[in-house]
């Protein structure tokens, strides 16, 4: 049997994905405003990489 925390997390999976997509879209818009001739693939890679790093930083602090 799964732990209750995992069951609860599974229930929120789609919402978490939607929230993450919203954050990506937020920064895609900001890059677009600041750099009109943007390389979107490069910008997307930078955004996702920064999000990974931010999540790692948060995980370290939570494990603290």
C-alpha atoms as a PDB file:
ATOM      1  CA  UNK A   1       0.000   0.000   0.000  1.00  0.00           C
ATOM      2  CA  UNK A   2       1.247   3.469  -0.862  1.00  0.00           C
ATOM      3  CA  UNK A   3       2.038   5.963   1.823  1.00  0.00           C
ATOM      4  CA  UNK A   4      -0.629   8.577   2.370  1.00  0.00           C
ATOM      5  CA  UNK A   5       1.757  11.360   1.342  1.00  0.00           C
ATOM      6  CA  UNK A   6       2.328   9.724  -2.057  1.00  0.00           C
ATOM      7  CA  UNK A   7      -1.402   9.228  -2.587  1.00  0.00           C
ATOM      8  CA  UNK A   8      -1.997  12.891  -1.750  1.00  0.00           C
ATOM      9  CA  UNK A   9       0.800  14.018  -4.070  1.00  0.00           C
ATOM     10  CA  UNK A  10      -0.580  11.878  -6.888  1.00  0.00           C
ATOM     11  CA  UNK A  11      -3.905  13.657  -6.514  1.00  0.00           C
ATOM     12  CA  UNK A  12      -2.184  17.000  -7.109  1.00  0.00           C
ATOM     13  CA  UNK A  13       0.133  15.915  -9.931  1.00  0.00           C
ATOM     14  CA  UNK A  14      -1.784  17.605 -12.753  1.00  0.00           C
ATOM     15  CA  UNK A  15      -2.137  20.792 -10.733  1.00  0.00           C
ATOM     16  CA  UNK A  16       1.608  20.855 -10.067  1.00  0.00           C
ATOM     17  CA  UNK A  17       2.326  20.380 -13.775  1.00  0.00           C
ATOM     18  CA  UNK A  18      -0.079  23.219 -14.636  1.00  0.00           C
ATOM     19  CA  UNK A  19       1.596  25.487 -12.063  1.00  0.00           C
ATOM     20  CA  UNK A  20       5.042  24.718 -13.480  1.00  0.00           C
ATOM     21  CA  UNK A  21       3.815  25.428 -17.022  1.00  0.00           C
ATOM     22  CA  UNK A  22       2.475  28.763 -15.810  1.00  0.00           C
ATOM     23  CA  UNK A  23       5.878  29.674 -14.382  1.00  0.00           C
ATOM     24  CA  UNK A  24       7.587  28.745 -17.663  1.00  0.00           C
ATOM     25  CA  UNK A  25       5.073  30.851 -19.598  1.00  0.00           C
ATOM     26  CA  UNK A  26       5.628  33.777 -17.222  1.00  0.00           C
ATOM     27  CA  UNK A  27       9.342  33.828 -17.946  1.00  0.00           C
ATOM     28  CA  UNK A  28       8.869  33.154 -21.677  1.00  0.00           C
ATOM     29  CA  UNK A  29       6.799  36.359 -21.808  1.00  0.00           C
ATOM     30  CA  UNK A  30       9.448  38.306 -19.894  1.00  0.00           C
ATOM     31  CA  UNK A  31      12.219  37.097 -22.204  1.00  0.00           C
ATOM     32  CA  UNK A  32      10.043  38.047 -25.180  1.00  0.00           C
ATOM     33  CA  UNK A  33       9.501  41.552 -23.848  1.00  0.00           C
ATOM     34  CA  UNK A  34      13.186  42.119 -23.186  1.00  0.00           C
ATOM     35  CA  UNK A  35      14.597  40.443 -26.309  1.00  0.00           C
ATOM     36  CA  UNK A  36      12.331  40.806 -29.370  1.00  0.00           C
ATOM     37  CA  UNK A  37      14.512  38.594 -31.635  1.00  0.00           C
ATOM     38  CA  UNK A  38      14.791  35.827 -29.075  1.00  0.00           C
ATOM     39  CA  UNK A  39      15.959  32.286 -29.803  1.00  0.00           C
ATOM     40  CA  UNK A  40      12.968  30.658 -28.117  1.00  0.00           C
ATOM     41  CA  UNK A  41      14.554  27.210 -27.821  1.00  0.00           C
ATOM     42  CA  UNK A  42      17.616  28.673 -26.101  1.00  0.00           C
ATOM     43  CA  UNK A  43      15.449  30.805 -23.810  1.00  0.00           C
ATOM     44  CA  UNK A  44      13.284  27.792 -22.919  1.00  0.00           C
ATOM     45  CA  UNK A  45      16.390  25.793 -22.048  1.00  0.00           C
ATOM     46  CA  UNK A  46      17.676  28.609 -19.826  1.00  0.00           C
ATOM     47  CA  UNK A  47      14.319  28.942 -18.073  1.00  0.00           C
ATOM     48  CA  UNK A  48      13.964  25.214 -17.405  1.00  0.00           C
ATOM     49  CA  UNK A  49      17.582  24.987 -16.230  1.00  0.00           C
ATOM     50  CA  UNK A  50      17.011  27.894 -13.834  1.00  0.00           C
ATOM     51  CA  UNK A  51      13.847  26.224 -12.538  1.00  0.00           C
ATOM     52  CA  UNK A  52      15.743  22.964 -11.927  1.00  0.00           C
ATOM     53  CA  UNK A  53      18.403  24.865  -9.989  1.00  0.00           C
ATOM     54  CA  UNK A  54      15.794  26.731  -7.976  1.00  0.00           C
ATOM     55  CA  UNK A  55      14.074  23.449  -7.068  1.00  0.00           C
ATOM     56  CA  UNK A  56      17.416  21.948  -6.037  1.00  0.00           C
ATOM     57  CA  UNK A  57      18.104  24.989  -3.838  1.00  0.00           C
ATOM     58  CA  UNK A  58      14.663  24.683  -2.251  1.00  0.00           C
ATOM     59  CA  UNK A  59      15.150  20.934  -1.651  1.00  0.00           C
ATOM     60  CA  UNK A  60      18.455  21.576   0.097  1.00  0.00           C
ATOM     61  CA  UNK A  61      16.882  24.215   2.357  1.00  0.00           C
ATOM     62  CA  UNK A  62      13.926  21.973   3.171  1.00  0.00           C
ATOM     63  CA  UNK A  63      16.248  19.088   4.026  1.00  0.00           C
ATOM     64  CA  UNK A  64      18.249  21.553   6.079  1.00  0.00           C
END
